Amino acid sequence: MAKKYIWIPSPPKAKKIKITDEQKNAVNIFFEPLIAQFKKHLKVKPNKEHNYVVDIYSKWYQNYFYFCEKYKAEYKNRMMDEFETKFVRIEFISENKYTFSYLRHTGQWHVVVEKNTLKKCLEMIKENPNFQPLY
C-alpha cells in the first residue's frame, strides 16, 4: 500500500537580530581580561608526547561568540599538527541578552542559561571549572 503525504503549512521562522560590529567589539573587550588570565596558565614546557594547548582566544561566527583552545601535537603518529576546540559559546539574542552554552564531552552544546547578561556569563565561567580551558 502506498504512503500518502500531506502538505502542512509551517509558520515562518523568527528572524534573528543581527549583532553589530560595535556590539561584537564590546563583547571582545569585556572578555579580554579573562582570556589573558587563562593564557597565564599555559604550560611553558609541555609534555610533547601528548596534545598540548598553545593558545587560548575568542572568535565570532554569526551571532555566536566562542572561547577556543588551539592545540599542537608533535608526537610520532599524530593526525594533525594543530587543531582547535571550542569550550564555551555565548549567543547574542538581543541587547544585553545572551544564551550561555558549553561543549559537553559528547560533542554537543548544552545550553546552561538563556537570556543572561555578559556579567553573569563571566561569573559562571570563573566559578565553574567545566567552563574553563583544559590546559
C-alpha atoms as a PDB file:
ATOM      1  CA  MET A   1       0.000   0.000   0.000  1.00  0.00           C
ATOM      2  CA  ALA A   2       1.360   3.421  -0.949  1.00  0.00           C
ATOM      3  CA  LYS A   3       2.007   6.059   1.670  1.00  0.00           C
ATOM      4  CA  LYS A   4       0.018   9.272   1.495  1.00  0.00           C
ATOM      5  CA  TYR A   5       1.760  12.565   2.132  1.00  0.00           C
ATOM      6  CA  ILE A   6       0.010  15.709   3.281  1.00  0.00           C
ATOM      7  CA  TRP A   7       1.251  19.287   2.917  1.00  0.00           C
ATOM      8  CA  ILE A   8       1.118  21.160   6.208  1.00  0.00           C
ATOM      9  CA  PRO A   9       1.753  24.897   6.418  1.00  0.00           C
ATOM     10  CA  SER A  10       4.569  25.836   8.710  1.00  0.00           C
ATOM     11  CA  PRO A  11       4.890  29.208  10.440  1.00  0.00           C
ATOM     12  CA  PRO A  12       7.704  31.475   9.292  1.00  0.00           C
ATOM     13  CA  LYS A  13      10.909  31.271  11.295  1.00  0.00           C
ATOM     14  CA  ALA A  14      11.551  34.038  13.765  1.00  0.00           C
ATOM     15  CA  LYS A  15      14.151  36.461  12.479  1.00  0.00           C
ATOM     16  CA  LYS A  16      17.358  36.625  14.456  1.00  0.00           C
ATOM     17  CA  ILE A  17      18.609  40.034  15.410  1.00  0.00           C
ATOM     18  CA  LYS A  18      21.997  40.591  13.812  1.00  0.00           C
ATOM     19  CA  ILE A  19      24.749  41.811  16.058  1.00  0.00           C
ATOM     20  CA  THR A  20      26.603  44.951  15.004  1.00  0.00           C
ATOM     21  CA  ASP A  21      30.379  45.316  14.821  1.00  0.00           C
ATOM     22  CA  GLU A  22      30.299  47.747  17.759  1.00  0.00           C
ATOM     23  CA  GLN A  23      28.484  45.184  19.914  1.00  0.00           C
ATOM     24  CA  LYS A  24      30.948  42.465  18.873  1.00  0.00           C
ATOM     25  CA  ASN A  25      33.844  44.724  19.759  1.00  0.00           C
ATOM     26  CA  ALA A  26      32.300  45.494  23.167  1.00  0.00           C
ATOM     27  CA  VAL A  27      31.969  41.762  23.928  1.00  0.00           C
ATOM     28  CA  ASN A  28      35.588  41.171  22.839  1.00  0.00           C
ATOM     29  CA  ILE A  29      36.812  43.951  25.133  1.00  0.00           C
ATOM     30  CA  PHE A  30      34.659  42.665  28.008  1.00  0.00           C
ATOM     31  CA  PHE A  31      36.225  39.168  27.874  1.00  0.00           C
ATOM     32  CA  GLU A  32      39.840  40.196  27.104  1.00  0.00           C
ATOM     33  CA  PRO A  33      40.931  40.169  30.789  1.00  0.00           C
ATOM     34  CA  LEU A  34      39.526  36.662  31.273  1.00  0.00           C
ATOM     35  CA  ILE A  35      41.332  35.343  28.199  1.00  0.00           C
ATOM     36  CA  ALA A  36      44.558  36.989  29.379  1.00  0.00           C
ATOM     37  CA  GLN A  37      44.084  35.285  32.759  1.00  0.00           C
ATOM     38  CA  PHE A  38      43.610  31.910  31.014  1.00  0.00           C
ATOM     39  CA  LYS A  39      46.765  32.450  28.946  1.00  0.00           C
ATOM     40  CA  LYS A  40      48.841  32.919  32.111  1.00  0.00           C
ATOM     41  CA  HIS A  41      48.202  29.264  32.982  1.00  0.00           C
ATOM     42  CA  LEU A  42      49.586  27.829  29.736  1.00  0.00           C
ATOM     43  CA  LYS A  43      52.478  25.449  30.348  1.00  0.00           C
ATOM     44  CA  VAL A  44      55.898  26.758  29.383  1.00  0.00           C
ATOM     45  CA  LYS A  45      57.390  23.284  28.889  1.00  0.00           C
ATOM     46  CA  PRO A  46      54.511  20.961  27.969  1.00  0.00           C
ATOM     47  CA  ASN A  47      54.740  17.192  27.601  1.00  0.00           C
ATOM     48  CA  LYS A  48      55.265  16.783  23.849  1.00  0.00           C
ATOM     49  CA  GLU A  49      54.205  13.142  23.896  1.00  0.00           C
ATOM     50  CA  HIS A  50      50.569  14.352  24.001  1.00  0.00           C
ATOM     51  CA  ASN A  51      48.498  17.202  22.567  1.00  0.00           C
ATOM     52  CA  TYR A  52      49.095  20.456  24.423  1.00  0.00           C
ATOM     53  CA  VAL A  53      47.461  23.892  24.437  1.00  0.00           C
ATOM     54  CA  VAL A  54      49.465  26.655  22.760  1.00  0.00           C
ATOM     55  CA  ASP A  55      46.860  29.439  22.685  1.00  0.00           C
ATOM     56  CA  ILE A  56      43.504  30.463  24.109  1.00  0.00           C
ATOM     57  CA  TYR A  57      41.463  33.015  22.199  1.00  0.00           C
ATOM     58  CA  SER A  58      37.968  34.077  21.212  1.00  0.00           C
ATOM     59  CA  LYS A  59      36.256  34.358  17.870  1.00  0.00           C
ATOM     60  CA  TRP A  60      32.901  35.217  16.347  1.00  0.00           C
ATOM     61  CA  TYR A  61      30.788  33.190  13.961  1.00  0.00           C
ATOM     62  CA  GLN A  62      27.488  34.867  13.040  1.00  0.00           C
ATOM     63  CA  ASN A  63      25.764  35.610  16.395  1.00  0.00           C
ATOM     64  CA  TYR A  64      27.978  33.201  18.356  1.00  0.00           C
ATOM     65  CA  PHE A  65      30.974  34.207  20.463  1.00  0.00           C
ATOM     66  CA  TYR A  66      33.321  31.274  21.142  1.00  0.00           C
ATOM     67  CA  PHE A  67      36.138  30.647  23.590  1.00  0.00           C
ATOM     68  CA  CYS A  68      38.683  28.465  21.775  1.00  0.00           C
ATOM     69  CA  GLU A  69      41.814  26.482  22.560  1.00  0.00           C
ATOM     70  CA  LYS A  70      44.488  25.839  19.967  1.00  0.00           C
ATOM     71  CA  TYR A  71      46.311  22.542  20.433  1.00  0.00           C
ATOM     72  CA  LYS A  72      49.596  21.400  18.983  1.00  0.00           C
ATOM     73  CA  ALA A  73      50.794  17.835  18.507  1.00  0.00           C
ATOM     74  CA  GLU A  74      54.425  16.808  17.993  1.00  0.00           C
ATOM     75  CA  TYR A  75      54.383  13.090  18.683  1.00  0.00           C
ATOM     76  CA  LYS A  76      55.133  10.495  16.010  1.00  0.00           C
ATOM     77  CA  ASN A  77      51.690   9.132  14.998  1.00  0.00           C
ATOM     78  CA  ARG A  78      49.730  12.395  15.031  1.00  0.00           C
ATOM     79  CA  MET A  79      46.913  13.013  12.580  1.00  0.00           C
ATOM     80  CA  MET A  80      47.290  16.834  12.520  1.00  0.00           C
ATOM     81  CA  ASP A  81      49.955  19.253  13.673  1.00  0.00           C
ATOM     82  CA  GLU A  82      47.471  21.782  15.085  1.00  0.00           C
ATOM     83  CA  PHE A  83      43.754  21.830  15.777  1.00  0.00           C
ATOM     84  CA  GLU A  84      41.168  23.970  17.535  1.00  0.00           C
ATOM     85  CA  THR A  85      38.488  23.146  20.067  1.00  0.00           C
ATOM     86  CA  LYS A  86      35.743  25.378  21.394  1.00  0.00           C
ATOM     87  CA  PHE A  87      34.693  25.095  25.020  1.00  0.00           C
ATOM     88  CA  VAL A  88      32.178  27.928  25.661  1.00  0.00           C
ATOM     89  CA  ARG A  89      29.612  29.517  23.339  1.00  0.00           C
ATOM     90  CA  ILE A  90      27.728  32.740  24.023  1.00  0.00           C
ATOM     91  CA  GLU A  91      24.916  33.517  21.589  1.00  0.00           C
ATOM     92  CA  PHE A  92      23.674  37.065  21.090  1.00  0.00           C
ATOM     93  CA  ILE A  93      19.872  37.164  21.472  1.00  0.00           C
ATOM     94  CA  SER A  94      19.119  40.863  21.888  1.00  0.00           C
ATOM     95  CA  GLU A  95      20.573  43.934  23.555  1.00  0.00           C
ATOM     96  CA  ASN A  96      22.345  42.647  26.708  1.00  0.00           C
ATOM     97  CA  LYS A  97      20.675  39.206  26.458  1.00  0.00           C
ATOM     98  CA  TYR A  98      22.799  36.150  25.713  1.00  0.00           C
ATOM     99  CA  THR A  99      22.420  32.371  25.752  1.00  0.00           C
ATOM    100  CA  PHE A 100      25.285  30.616  27.545  1.00  0.00           C
ATOM    101  CA  SER A 101      26.339  27.101  26.431  1.00  0.00           C
ATOM    102  CA  TYR A 102      29.295  24.815  26.957  1.00  0.00           C
ATOM    103  CA  LEU A 103      30.630  21.911  24.918  1.00  0.00           C
ATOM    104  CA  ARG A 104      29.966  18.591  26.618  1.00  0.00           C
ATOM    105  CA  HIS A 105      32.214  15.553  26.366  1.00  0.00           C
ATOM    106  CA  THR A 106      29.704  14.129  23.869  1.00  0.00           C
ATOM    107  CA  GLY A 107      30.431  16.908  21.372  1.00  0.00           C
ATOM    108  CA  GLN A 108      27.007  18.517  21.898  1.00  0.00           C
ATOM    109  CA  TRP A 109      26.433  22.108  23.013  1.00  0.00           C
ATOM    110  CA  HIS A 110      24.499  22.204  26.275  1.00  0.00           C
ATOM    111  CA  VAL A 111      22.510  25.378  26.995  1.00  0.00           C
ATOM    112  CA  VAL A 112      23.029  26.377  30.613  1.00  0.00           C
ATOM    113  CA  VAL A 113      21.158  29.678  30.802  1.00  0.00           C
ATOM    114  CA  GLU A 114      19.071  31.615  28.308  1.00  0.00           C
ATOM    115  CA  LYS A 115      18.597  35.390  28.301  1.00  0.00           C
ATOM    116  CA  ASN A 116      21.574  36.066  30.530  1.00  0.00           C
ATOM    117  CA  THR A 117      23.803  39.153  30.825  1.00  0.00           C
ATOM    118  CA  LEU A 118      27.510  39.198  29.972  1.00  0.00           C
ATOM    119  CA  LYS A 119      28.355  39.857  33.607  1.00  0.00           C
ATOM    120  CA  LYS A 120      26.541  36.683  34.690  1.00  0.00           C
ATOM    121  CA  CYS A 121      28.243  34.711  31.901  1.00  0.00           C
ATOM    122  CA  LEU A 122      31.627  35.926  33.147  1.00  0.00           C
ATOM    123  CA  GLU A 123      30.788  34.901  36.725  1.00  0.00           C
ATOM    124  CA  MET A 124      29.681  31.448  35.573  1.00  0.00           C
ATOM    125  CA  ILE A 125      32.914  30.887  33.646  1.00  0.00           C
ATOM    126  CA  LYS A 126      35.050  31.944  36.622  1.00  0.00           C
ATOM    127  CA  GLU A 127      33.122  29.837  39.154  1.00  0.00           C
ATOM    128  CA  ASN A 128      32.755  26.544  37.283  1.00  0.00           C
ATOM    129  CA  PRO A 129      35.792  24.565  36.039  1.00  0.00           C
ATOM    130  CA  ASN A 130      33.615  22.883  33.374  1.00  0.00           C
ATOM    131  CA  PHE A 131      33.501  26.240  31.560  1.00  0.00           C
ATOM    132  CA  GLN A 132      37.274  26.769  31.655  1.00  0.00           C
ATOM    133  CA  PRO A 133      40.023  25.507  29.338  1.00  0.00           C
ATOM    134  CA  LEU A 134      41.615  22.112  29.968  1.00  0.00           C
ATOM    135  CA  TYR A 135      45.251  23.286  29.648  1.00  0.00           C
END
